[in-house]
Amino acid sequence: MTETTGASSLLGGNVSLSDYFTNQFVTLTPWKILIGLILGLAVGLVIAFVYKRCYRGVLYSPTFAMTLMMLTLITTPVVMCIKSDIALSMGMVGALSIVRFRTAVKDPMDTAYMFWALTMGILLGAELFVHALVVVLGIGVILFLMTFVRLKNPNAYLLVVHYDDYAEQDITQLLRRTVKQRRLRSKTVTRAGAEMTVEVRLDGKQDLVAAVLNIEGVHDATLVACQTEAGA
């Protein structure tokens, strides 16, 4: 008797324990939450897969791919709660307004993937499952097509050459013959020789470094992939 009275006092008024849990799941049932989390996991895996296949940076980060999946999973139940309770939604908006994220985003495309994951979580939380399916498949296909088109473009590299002054004309003529797209980035001349850095676009079939090294007066040549184009 005392235990029942204590439970009623804790829940406020004469509300029984069974009525309390019934009221909790009137608009948001455990089954809806489970479906949302399963779909959130599936959609998050799709986003992570697209990110991995379309990534064109220098170092692929599995942690960021996992973060994209977790963003979808976390956003889904949050939106479900906001949808079921207006008062709770106002409190969540106020709480999230004071959150500050300090993680620096290195690639602008990473920001787009984060917004994609959050958008999918919002759609799933709002129980717009068909809309979420269309959006995730549509954006995934578009990203794959954009990546395929990008692969058709010549890759960007930086050609760094150390040479003697008299070899500069031969290097320039070689670049004019073999590289259609090129741009001089820097040139340094010292008493020991000269250094030239040229941005070039190559299709992967040219052995430019070997050709430059065959020029008399060239000490060494280095070909470095640009960070934004690596792996493309």
C-alpha atoms as a PDB file:
ATOM      1  CA  MET A   1       0.000   0.000   0.000  1.00  0.00           C
ATOM      2  CA  THR A   2       2.799   2.376   0.905  1.00  0.00           C
ATOM      3  CA  GLU A   3       4.723   1.488  -2.273  1.00  0.00           C
ATOM      4  CA  THR A   4       1.680   2.223  -4.471  1.00  0.00           C
ATOM      5  CA  THR A   5       1.114   5.562  -2.738  1.00  0.00           C
ATOM      6  CA  GLY A   6       4.771   6.494  -3.250  1.00  0.00           C
ATOM      7  CA  ALA A   7       4.575   5.686  -6.953  1.00  0.00           C
ATOM      8  CA  SER A   8       1.428   7.790  -7.331  1.00  0.00           C
ATOM      9  CA  SER A   9       3.081  10.687  -5.540  1.00  0.00           C
ATOM     10  CA  LEU A  10       6.152  10.405  -7.756  1.00  0.00           C
ATOM     11  CA  LEU A  11       4.066  10.402 -10.933  1.00  0.00           C
ATOM     12  CA  GLY A  12       1.939  13.255  -9.697  1.00  0.00           C
ATOM     13  CA  GLY A  13      -1.647  12.992  -8.463  1.00  0.00           C
ATOM     14  CA  ASN A  14      -3.614   9.789  -8.789  1.00  0.00           C
ATOM     15  CA  VAL A  15      -2.017   8.591 -12.061  1.00  0.00           C
ATOM     16  CA  SER A  16      -1.127   4.909 -11.890  1.00  0.00           C
ATOM     17  CA  LEU A  17       2.118   3.447 -13.186  1.00  0.00           C
ATOM     18  CA  SER A  18       0.373   1.700 -16.096  1.00  0.00           C
ATOM     19  CA  ASP A  19      -1.444   4.898 -17.082  1.00  0.00           C
ATOM     20  CA  TYR A  20       1.842   6.818 -16.972  1.00  0.00           C
ATOM     21  CA  PHE A  21       3.539   4.479 -19.457  1.00  0.00           C
ATOM     22  CA  THR A  22       0.399   4.366 -21.596  1.00  0.00           C
ATOM     23  CA  ASN A  23       0.402   8.142 -21.881  1.00  0.00           C
ATOM     24  CA  GLN A  24       4.081   8.100 -22.766  1.00  0.00           C
ATOM     25  CA  PHE A  25       3.471   5.894 -25.795  1.00  0.00           C
ATOM     26  CA  VAL A  26       0.244   7.389 -27.085  1.00  0.00           C
ATOM     27  CA  THR A  27       1.859   9.229 -29.972  1.00  0.00           C
ATOM     28  CA  LEU A  28       5.317   7.623 -29.973  1.00  0.00           C
ATOM     29  CA  THR A  29       5.290   3.845 -29.651  1.00  0.00           C
ATOM     30  CA  PRO A  30       8.391   1.667 -29.204  1.00  0.00           C
ATOM     31  CA  TRP A  31       7.581   0.052 -32.554  1.00  0.00           C
ATOM     32  CA  LYS A  32       7.827   3.427 -34.348  1.00  0.00           C
ATOM     33  CA  ILE A  33      11.125   4.158 -32.611  1.00  0.00           C
ATOM     34  CA  LEU A  34      12.495   0.748 -33.607  1.00  0.00           C
ATOM     35  CA  ILE A  35      11.453   1.200 -37.246  1.00  0.00           C
ATOM     36  CA  GLY A  36      12.990   4.683 -37.295  1.00  0.00           C
ATOM     37  CA  LEU A  37      16.294   3.447 -35.881  1.00  0.00           C
ATOM     38  CA  ILE A  38      16.478   0.507 -38.318  1.00  0.00           C
ATOM     39  CA  LEU A  39      15.780   2.756 -41.292  1.00  0.00           C
ATOM     40  CA  GLY A  40      18.200   5.344 -39.893  1.00  0.00           C
ATOM     41  CA  LEU A  41      20.911   2.713 -39.695  1.00  0.00           C
ATOM     42  CA  ALA A  42      20.233   1.578 -43.277  1.00  0.00           C
ATOM     43  CA  VAL A  43      20.209   5.131 -44.640  1.00  0.00           C
ATOM     44  CA  GLY A  44      23.336   6.015 -42.647  1.00  0.00           C
ATOM     45  CA  LEU A  45      25.141   3.013 -44.125  1.00  0.00           C
ATOM     46  CA  VAL A  46      24.153   4.173 -47.622  1.00  0.00           C
ATOM     47  CA  ILE A  47      25.527   7.664 -46.934  1.00  0.00           C
ATOM     48  CA  ALA A  48      28.767   6.231 -45.528  1.00  0.00           C
ATOM     49  CA  PHE A  49      29.116   3.936 -48.561  1.00  0.00           C
ATOM     50  CA  VAL A  50      28.609   6.823 -51.004  1.00  0.00           C
ATOM     51  CA  TYR A  51      31.104   8.933 -49.051  1.00  0.00           C
ATOM     52  CA  LYS A  52      33.720   6.180 -49.231  1.00  0.00           C
ATOM     53  CA  ARG A  53      33.258   5.551 -52.957  1.00  0.00           C
ATOM     54  CA  CYS A  54      33.095   9.216 -53.958  1.00  0.00           C
ATOM     55  CA  TYR A  55      35.848  10.508 -51.663  1.00  0.00           C
ATOM     56  CA  ARG A  56      38.629  12.223 -53.617  1.00  0.00           C
ATOM     57  CA  GLY A  57      40.796  13.660 -50.849  1.00  0.00           C
ATOM     58  CA  VAL A  58      44.246  12.544 -49.758  1.00  0.00           C
ATOM     59  CA  LEU A  59      43.364  10.551 -46.627  1.00  0.00           C
ATOM     60  CA  TYR A  60      40.015   8.779 -46.309  1.00  0.00           C
ATOM     61  CA  SER A  61      38.644   8.920 -42.745  1.00  0.00           C
ATOM     62  CA  PRO A  62      36.569   5.883 -41.634  1.00  0.00           C
ATOM     63  CA  THR A  63      35.738   7.824 -38.465  1.00  0.00           C
ATOM     64  CA  PHE A  64      33.992  10.549 -40.454  1.00  0.00           C
ATOM     65  CA  ALA A  65      32.014   7.925 -42.372  1.00  0.00           C
ATOM     66  CA  MET A  66      30.896   6.461 -39.041  1.00  0.00           C
ATOM     67  CA  THR A  67      30.008   9.971 -37.871  1.00  0.00           C
ATOM     68  CA  LEU A  68      27.703  10.418 -40.861  1.00  0.00           C
ATOM     69  CA  MET A  69      25.888   7.219 -39.957  1.00  0.00           C
ATOM     70  CA  MET A  70      25.584   8.261 -36.301  1.00  0.00           C
ATOM     71  CA  LEU A  71      24.233  11.698 -37.278  1.00  0.00           C
ATOM     72  CA  THR A  72      21.348  10.022 -39.089  1.00  0.00           C
ATOM     73  CA  LEU A  73      20.710   7.628 -36.208  1.00  0.00           C
ATOM     74  CA  ILE A  74      20.776  10.358 -33.557  1.00  0.00           C
ATOM     75  CA  THR A  75      18.699  12.896 -35.473  1.00  0.00           C
ATOM     76  CA  THR A  76      15.886  10.409 -36.157  1.00  0.00           C
ATOM     77  CA  PRO A  77      14.676   9.857 -32.526  1.00  0.00           C
ATOM     78  CA  VAL A  78      15.236  13.531 -31.682  1.00  0.00           C
ATOM     79  CA  VAL A  79      12.855  14.608 -34.448  1.00  0.00           C
ATOM     80  CA  MET A  80      10.391  11.917 -33.388  1.00  0.00           C
ATOM     81  CA  CYS A  81      10.302  13.380 -29.881  1.00  0.00           C
ATOM     82  CA  ILE A  82       9.968  16.926 -31.170  1.00  0.00           C
ATOM     83  CA  LYS A  83       7.113  15.889 -33.440  1.00  0.00           C
ATOM     84  CA  SER A  84       5.186  14.240 -30.602  1.00  0.00           C
ATOM     85  CA  ASP A  85       5.534  17.064 -28.036  1.00  0.00           C
ATOM     86  CA  ILE A  86       5.526  20.782 -28.887  1.00  0.00           C
ATOM     87  CA  ALA A  87       6.676  21.831 -25.417  1.00  0.00           C
ATOM     88  CA  LEU A  88       9.599  19.409 -25.622  1.00  0.00           C
ATOM     89  CA  SER A  89      10.514  20.727 -29.063  1.00  0.00           C
ATOM     90  CA  MET A  90      10.849  24.271 -27.722  1.00  0.00           C
ATOM     91  CA  GLY A  91      13.111  23.049 -24.931  1.00  0.00           C
ATOM     92  CA  MET A  92      15.304  21.097 -27.371  1.00  0.00           C
ATOM     93  CA  VAL A  93      15.656  24.097 -29.665  1.00  0.00           C
ATOM     94  CA  GLY A  94      16.769  26.190 -26.717  1.00  0.00           C
ATOM     95  CA  ALA A  95      19.242  23.536 -25.573  1.00  0.00           C
ATOM     96  CA  LEU A  96      20.739  23.033 -29.045  1.00  0.00           C
ATOM     97  CA  SER A  97      21.133  26.790 -29.537  1.00  0.00           C
ATOM     98  CA  ILE A  98      23.905  26.884 -26.919  1.00  0.00           C
ATOM     99  CA  VAL A  99      25.877  23.983 -28.430  1.00  0.00           C
ATOM    100  CA  ARG A 100      29.085  24.962 -30.208  1.00  0.00           C
ATOM    101  CA  PHE A 101      30.959  22.543 -32.466  1.00  0.00           C
ATOM    102  CA  ARG A 102      34.728  23.087 -32.656  1.00  0.00           C
ATOM    103  CA  THR A 103      35.660  20.399 -35.190  1.00  0.00           C
ATOM    104  CA  ALA A 104      37.225  21.943 -38.299  1.00  0.00           C
ATOM    105  CA  VAL A 105      35.915  20.656 -41.626  1.00  0.00           C
ATOM    106  CA  LYS A 106      38.845  20.209 -44.027  1.00  0.00           C
ATOM    107  CA  ASP A 107      36.869  19.544 -47.200  1.00  0.00           C
ATOM    108  CA  PRO A 108      33.773  21.606 -48.144  1.00  0.00           C
ATOM    109  CA  MET A 109      32.164  18.415 -49.430  1.00  0.00           C
ATOM    110  CA  ASP A 110      32.287  16.987 -45.911  1.00  0.00           C
ATOM    111  CA  THR A 111      29.862  19.725 -44.847  1.00  0.00           C
ATOM    112  CA  ALA A 112      27.470  18.683 -47.603  1.00  0.00           C
ATOM    113  CA  TYR A 113      27.597  15.070 -46.400  1.00  0.00           C
ATOM    114  CA  MET A 114      26.850  16.194 -42.837  1.00  0.00           C
ATOM    115  CA  PHE A 115      23.804  18.169 -43.972  1.00  0.00           C
ATOM    116  CA  TRP A 116      22.733  15.157 -46.030  1.00  0.00           C
ATOM    117  CA  ALA A 117      22.881  12.906 -42.963  1.00  0.00           C
ATOM    118  CA  LEU A 118      20.974  15.430 -40.838  1.00  0.00           C
ATOM    119  CA  THR A 119      18.321  15.861 -43.535  1.00  0.00           C
ATOM    120  CA  MET A 120      17.783  12.118 -43.726  1.00  0.00           C
ATOM    121  CA  GLY A 121      17.426  11.950 -39.954  1.00  0.00           C
ATOM    122  CA  ILE A 122      14.799  14.707 -40.063  1.00  0.00           C
ATOM    123  CA  LEU A 123      12.811  12.947 -42.798  1.00  0.00           C
ATOM    124  CA  LEU A 124      12.930   9.617 -40.983  1.00  0.00           C
ATOM    125  CA  GLY A 125      12.011  11.239 -37.673  1.00  0.00           C
ATOM    126  CA  ALA A 126       9.017  12.871 -39.343  1.00  0.00           C
ATOM    127  CA  GLU A 127       8.034   9.371 -40.569  1.00  0.00           C
ATOM    128  CA  LEU A 128       8.342  10.410 -44.211  1.00  0.00           C
ATOM    129  CA  PHE A 129       9.908   7.081 -45.061  1.00  0.00           C
ATOM    130  CA  VAL A 130       9.117   7.085 -48.789  1.00  0.00           C
ATOM    131  CA  HIS A 131      10.448  10.634 -49.144  1.00  0.00           C
ATOM    132  CA  ALA A 132      13.618   9.623 -47.298  1.00  0.00           C
ATOM    133  CA  LEU A 133      14.132   6.654 -49.619  1.00  0.00           C
ATOM    134  CA  VAL A 134      13.731   8.811 -52.717  1.00  0.00           C
ATOM    135  CA  VAL A 135      16.070  11.505 -51.376  1.00  0.00           C
ATOM    136  CA  VAL A 136      18.872   9.167 -50.298  1.00  0.00           C
ATOM    137  CA  LEU A 137      18.812   7.255 -53.580  1.00  0.00           C
ATOM    138  CA  GLY A 138      18.539  10.408 -55.672  1.00  0.00           C
ATOM    139  CA  ILE A 139      21.419  12.215 -53.976  1.00  0.00           C
ATOM    140  CA  GLY A 140      23.530   9.047 -54.012  1.00  0.00           C
ATOM    141  CA  VAL A 141      23.055   8.604 -57.759  1.00  0.00           C
ATOM    142  CA  ILE A 142      23.837  12.287 -58.388  1.00  0.00           C
ATOM    143  CA  LEU A 143      27.067  12.061 -56.376  1.00  0.00           C
ATOM    144  CA  PHE A 144      28.149   8.950 -58.272  1.00  0.00           C
ATOM    145  CA  LEU A 145      27.447  10.679 -61.597  1.00  0.00           C
ATOM    146  CA  MET A 146      29.378  13.780 -60.516  1.00  0.00           C
ATOM    147  CA  THR A 147      32.297  11.597 -59.480  1.00  0.00           C
ATOM    148  CA  PHE A 148      32.235   9.734 -62.800  1.00  0.00           C
ATOM    149  CA  VAL A 149      32.285  13.008 -64.755  1.00  0.00           C
ATOM    150  CA  ARG A 150      35.109  14.265 -62.582  1.00  0.00           C
ATOM    151  CA  LEU A 151      37.105  11.127 -63.309  1.00  0.00           C
ATOM    152  CA  LYS A 152      37.029  12.027 -66.987  1.00  0.00           C
ATOM    153  CA  ASN A 153      38.915  15.251 -66.326  1.00  0.00           C
ATOM    154  CA  PRO A 154      42.740  15.204 -66.260  1.00  0.00           C
ATOM    155  CA  ASN A 155      44.184  14.988 -62.765  1.00  0.00           C
ATOM    156  CA  ALA A 156      45.969  17.999 -61.292  1.00  0.00           C
ATOM    157  CA  TYR A 157      49.594  17.675 -60.166  1.00  0.00           C
ATOM    158  CA  LEU A 158      52.439  19.931 -59.102  1.00  0.00           C
ATOM    159  CA  LEU A 159      55.671  19.334 -60.994  1.00  0.00           C
ATOM    160  CA  VAL A 160      58.716  20.457 -58.996  1.00  0.00           C
ATOM    161  CA  VAL A 161      61.990  20.563 -60.970  1.00  0.00           C
ATOM    162  CA  HIS A 162      65.527  21.461 -59.832  1.00  0.00           C
ATOM    163  CA  TYR A 163      67.764  22.325 -62.760  1.00  0.00           C
ATOM    164  CA  ASP A 164      70.611  24.461 -64.066  1.00  0.00           C
ATOM    165  CA  ASP A 165      69.744  27.749 -65.748  1.00  0.00           C
ATOM    166  CA  TYR A 166      70.583  26.601 -69.252  1.00  0.00           C
ATOM    167  CA  ALA A 167      68.060  23.719 -69.070  1.00  0.00           C
ATOM    168  CA  GLU A 168      65.013  25.952 -68.565  1.00  0.00           C
ATOM    169  CA  GLN A 169      64.291  26.386 -72.268  1.00  0.00           C
ATOM    170  CA  ASP A 170      64.331  22.630 -72.879  1.00  0.00           C
ATOM    171  CA  ILE A 171      61.986  22.060 -69.925  1.00  0.00           C
ATOM    172  CA  THR A 172      59.560  24.681 -71.210  1.00  0.00           C
ATOM    173  CA  GLN A 173      59.524  23.186 -74.694  1.00  0.00           C
ATOM    174  CA  LEU A 174      58.906  19.705 -73.289  1.00  0.00           C
ATOM    175  CA  LEU A 175      55.945  20.930 -71.247  1.00  0.00           C
ATOM    176  CA  ARG A 176      54.482  22.708 -74.270  1.00  0.00           C
ATOM    177  CA  ARG A 177      54.641  19.494 -76.310  1.00  0.00           C
ATOM    178  CA  THR A 178      53.356  17.040 -73.731  1.00  0.00           C
ATOM    179  CA  VAL A 179      51.040  19.014 -71.411  1.00  0.00           C
ATOM    180  CA  LYS A 180      48.087  20.953 -72.755  1.00  0.00           C
ATOM    181  CA  GLN A 181      47.015  22.453 -69.426  1.00  0.00           C
ATOM    182  CA  ARG A 182      49.795  23.936 -67.337  1.00  0.00           C
ATOM    183  CA  ARG A 183      50.440  26.971 -65.159  1.00  0.00           C
ATOM    184  CA  LEU A 184      53.607  28.266 -63.529  1.00  0.00           C
ATOM    185  CA  ARG A 185      53.189  28.405 -59.770  1.00  0.00           C
ATOM    186  CA  SER A 186      56.621  29.524 -58.613  1.00  0.00           C
ATOM    187  CA  LYS A 187      60.206  29.909 -59.716  1.00  0.00           C
ATOM    188  CA  THR A 188      63.281  30.285 -57.539  1.00  0.00           C
ATOM    189  CA  VAL A 189      66.768  31.041 -58.846  1.00  0.00           C
ATOM    190  CA  THR A 190      69.886  30.663 -56.695  1.00  0.00           C
ATOM    191  CA  ARG A 191      73.606  30.457 -57.383  1.00  0.00           C
ATOM    192  CA  ALA A 192      73.390  26.671 -57.077  1.00  0.00           C
ATOM    193  CA  GLY A 193      70.637  26.409 -59.691  1.00  0.00           C
ATOM    194  CA  ALA A 194      66.920  26.993 -60.100  1.00  0.00           C
ATOM    195  CA  GLU A 195      63.645  25.503 -58.928  1.00  0.00           C
ATOM    196  CA  MET A 196      60.386  25.618 -60.841  1.00  0.00           C
ATOM    197  CA  THR A 197      56.921  24.545 -59.697  1.00  0.00           C
ATOM    198  CA  VAL A 198      54.333  24.050 -62.434  1.00  0.00           C
ATOM    199  CA  GLU A 199      50.717  22.945 -62.080  1.00  0.00           C
ATOM    200  CA  VAL A 200      49.972  20.395 -64.788  1.00  0.00           C
ATOM    201  CA  ARG A 201      46.938  18.340 -65.801  1.00  0.00           C
ATOM    202  CA  LEU A 202      47.711  14.731 -66.760  1.00  0.00           C
ATOM    203  CA  ASP A 203      45.525  11.818 -67.814  1.00  0.00           C
ATOM    204  CA  GLY A 204      47.717   9.240 -66.056  1.00  0.00           C
ATOM    205  CA  LYS A 205      49.279   7.852 -69.239  1.00  0.00           C
ATOM    206  CA  GLN A 206      52.227  10.234 -69.431  1.00  0.00           C
ATOM    207  CA  ASP A 207      55.536   9.568 -67.681  1.00  0.00           C
ATOM    208  CA  LEU A 208      56.375  13.225 -67.352  1.00  0.00           C
ATOM    209  CA  VAL A 209      58.978  12.821 -64.606  1.00  0.00           C
ATOM    210  CA  ALA A 210      61.099  10.443 -66.698  1.00  0.00           C
ATOM    211  CA  ALA A 211      60.884  12.772 -69.685  1.00  0.00           C
ATOM    212  CA  VAL A 212      62.024  15.753 -67.616  1.00  0.00           C
ATOM    213  CA  LEU A 213      64.913  13.801 -66.083  1.00  0.00           C
ATOM    214  CA  ASN A 214      66.193  12.977 -69.588  1.00  0.00           C
ATOM    215  CA  ILE A 215      66.877  16.660 -70.162  1.00  0.00           C
ATOM    216  CA  GLU A 216      70.505  17.612 -69.622  1.00  0.00           C
ATOM    217  CA  GLY A 217      70.940  19.930 -66.675  1.00  0.00           C
ATOM    218  CA  VAL A 218      67.945  18.635 -64.668  1.00  0.00           C
ATOM    219  CA  HIS A 219      68.969  17.417 -61.216  1.00  0.00           C
ATOM    220  CA  ASP A 220      65.630  15.976 -60.032  1.00  0.00           C
ATOM    221  CA  ALA A 221      61.902  16.145 -60.726  1.00  0.00           C
ATOM    222  CA  THR A 222      58.992  15.476 -58.378  1.00  0.00           C
ATOM    223  CA  LEU A 223      55.323  15.057 -59.254  1.00  0.00           C
ATOM    224  CA  VAL A 224      52.923  15.748 -56.372  1.00  0.00           C
ATOM    225  CA  ALA A 225      49.163  15.222 -56.520  1.00  0.00           C
ATOM    226  CA  CYS A 226      47.130  18.267 -55.536  1.00  0.00           C
ATOM    227  CA  GLN A 227      45.153  17.677 -52.340  1.00  0.00           C
ATOM    228  CA  THR A 228      41.781  18.479 -53.871  1.00  0.00           C
ATOM    229  CA  GLU A 229      42.368  16.186 -56.835  1.00  0.00           C
ATOM    230  CA  ALA A 230      44.139  13.222 -55.278  1.00  0.00           C
ATOM    231  CA  GLY A 231      42.660   9.915 -56.106  1.00  0.00           C
ATOM    232  CA  ALA A 232      40.444  11.283 -58.852  1.00  0.00           C
END
